[in-house]
Amino acid sequence: LSCLEALAREARWGVWAKLGRGTFRLAAVDPETQCISIMNNARGVANLAGWTVSDGEGFYTFTRSAIVNPGASVTICGAEYNPSLDRSELWLDEDHDAVCLLDPLGQLIDRKDW
């Protein structure tokens, strides 16, 4: 990253302005347990239907209605988003990886790297 790009990401300027400012955000990602928690940031109830989590290799889209109260979280684990435990699909690498949260329009809303 260039110095300016790093500053823009940190300050959430330009194309990074929307990160973490959507209805939902990534609350926690645990590669050891293969679990991802998504929190509702909105003031009212919100539905995760159509939202997607991805690690760039695989993805999981909430196809059913998943109503989440304000401030509450939904946690999904590998048995749900990757029942075959195929490492070429959505799989959280323990050493380094990234998980992205995409809204129903496919826009990046949040990202966690480790």
Protein backbone atom coordinates (compact mmCIF):
# COMPACT_ATOMS: atom_id res chain seq x y z
CA LEU A 1 0.00 0.00 0.00
CA SER A 2 1.09 3.49 -0.67
CA CYS A 3 1.23 5.85 2.26
CA LEU A 4 -1.74 7.84 0.89
CA GLU A 5 -3.80 4.70 0.33
CA ALA A 6 -3.11 3.54 3.89
CA LEU A 7 -4.19 6.94 5.24
CA ALA A 8 -7.36 6.89 3.12
CA ARG A 9 -8.27 3.41 4.37
CA GLU A 10 -7.68 4.38 7.99
CA ALA A 11 -9.68 7.61 7.70
CA ARG A 12 -12.33 5.88 5.51
CA TRP A 13 -12.00 8.41 2.67
CA GLY A 14 -12.97 7.87 -0.95
CA VAL A 15 -13.76 4.30 -1.95
CA TRP A 16 -13.21 3.18 1.67
CA ALA A 17 -15.86 5.53 3.07
CA LYS A 18 -18.54 2.82 3.16
CA LEU A 19 -16.50 0.17 4.97
CA GLY A 20 -18.13 -0.69 8.28
CA ARG A 21 -20.93 1.83 7.78
CA GLY A 22 -23.67 -0.44 6.47
CA THR A 23 -26.57 -2.05 8.23
CA PHE A 24 -24.32 -4.96 9.15
CA ARG A 25 -20.64 -5.31 10.04
CA LEU A 26 -18.29 -8.20 10.76
CA ALA A 27 -18.29 -8.42 14.54
CA ALA A 28 -15.89 -11.34 14.90
CA VAL A 29 -14.03 -13.87 12.77
CA ASP A 30 -12.51 -16.94 14.43
CA PRO A 31 -10.37 -19.10 12.13
CA GLU A 32 -9.81 -21.69 14.86
CA THR A 33 -13.53 -22.50 15.17
CA GLN A 34 -14.35 -21.48 11.55
CA CYS A 35 -17.02 -19.05 12.82
CA ILE A 36 -18.05 -15.62 11.52
CA SER A 37 -20.27 -13.24 13.51
CA ILE A 38 -22.19 -10.47 11.80
CA MET A 39 -23.72 -7.64 13.85
CA ASN A 40 -26.70 -5.43 13.03
CA ASN A 41 -25.53 -1.78 13.30
CA ALA A 42 -28.92 -0.34 12.40
CA ARG A 43 -31.41 1.22 14.82
CA GLY A 44 -34.10 -1.23 13.75
CA VAL A 45 -34.40 -4.89 12.86
CA ALA A 46 -32.65 -5.90 9.64
CA ASN A 47 -32.65 -8.94 7.38
CA LEU A 48 -29.45 -10.70 6.26
CA ALA A 49 -31.18 -12.29 3.25
CA GLY A 50 -29.04 -11.62 0.19
CA TRP A 51 -25.90 -10.60 2.15
CA THR A 52 -22.69 -12.51 1.38
CA VAL A 53 -19.48 -13.36 3.24
CA SER A 54 -16.42 -14.28 1.19
CA ASP A 55 -12.72 -14.97 1.63
CA GLY A 56 -11.99 -14.40 -2.06
CA GLU A 57 -11.95 -18.14 -2.79
CA GLY A 58 -15.42 -19.14 -1.72
CA PHE A 59 -18.55 -17.47 -0.47
CA TYR A 60 -21.75 -17.94 1.50
CA THR A 61 -24.92 -15.99 0.75
CA PHE A 62 -27.80 -15.84 3.19
CA THR A 63 -30.61 -17.17 1.00
CA ARG A 64 -33.24 -17.38 3.73
CA SER A 65 -34.66 -14.64 5.86
CA ALA A 66 -32.44 -14.00 8.89
CA ILE A 67 -33.96 -11.22 10.99
CA VAL A 68 -31.44 -9.60 13.36
CA ASN A 69 -32.41 -7.20 16.15
CA PRO A 70 -30.49 -3.93 16.59
CA GLY A 71 -27.11 -4.57 18.24
CA ALA A 72 -27.54 -8.34 17.99
CA SER A 73 -25.31 -10.72 16.02
CA VAL A 74 -25.74 -13.84 13.93
CA THR A 75 -22.93 -16.39 13.94
CA ILE A 76 -22.36 -18.90 11.17
CA CYS A 77 -19.75 -21.62 11.33
CA GLY A 78 -18.11 -23.95 8.83
CA ALA A 79 -20.76 -26.65 9.12
CA GLU A 80 -23.26 -24.16 7.71
CA TYR A 81 -21.25 -22.19 5.13
CA ASN A 82 -18.97 -25.06 4.02
CA PRO A 83 -20.51 -28.40 5.06
CA SER A 84 -18.00 -30.43 3.01
CA LEU A 85 -15.07 -28.61 4.74
CA ASP A 86 -13.53 -28.09 1.31
CA ARG A 87 -10.54 -25.76 1.77
CA SER A 88 -10.94 -24.45 -1.80
CA GLU A 89 -14.32 -22.98 -0.76
CA LEU A 90 -14.97 -20.46 2.03
CA TRP A 91 -12.39 -21.53 4.61
CA LEU A 92 -10.73 -19.36 7.27
CA ASP A 93 -6.98 -19.93 7.15
CA GLU A 94 -5.50 -19.68 10.65
CA ASP A 95 -2.25 -17.94 9.60
CA HIS A 96 -3.53 -15.20 7.29
CA ASP A 97 -6.73 -14.57 5.41
CA ALA A 98 -9.45 -11.99 4.91
CA VAL A 99 -13.22 -12.10 5.13
CA CYS A 100 -15.42 -9.61 3.31
CA LEU A 101 -19.05 -8.74 3.95
CA LEU A 102 -21.00 -7.76 0.83
CA ASP A 103 -24.46 -6.25 0.74
CA PRO A 104 -27.17 -7.67 -1.58
CA LEU A 105 -25.89 -5.39 -4.39
CA GLY A 106 -22.39 -6.89 -4.07
CA GLN A 107 -20.83 -3.77 -2.54
CA LEU A 108 -18.08 -4.27 0.02
CA ILE A 109 -19.38 -3.14 3.41
CA ASP A 110 -16.80 -4.55 5.83
CA ARG A 111 -13.57 -6.55 5.81
CA LYS A 112 -11.43 -8.27 8.43
CA ASP A 113 -7.81 -9.25 7.71
CA TRP A 114 -5.37 -11.25 9.81
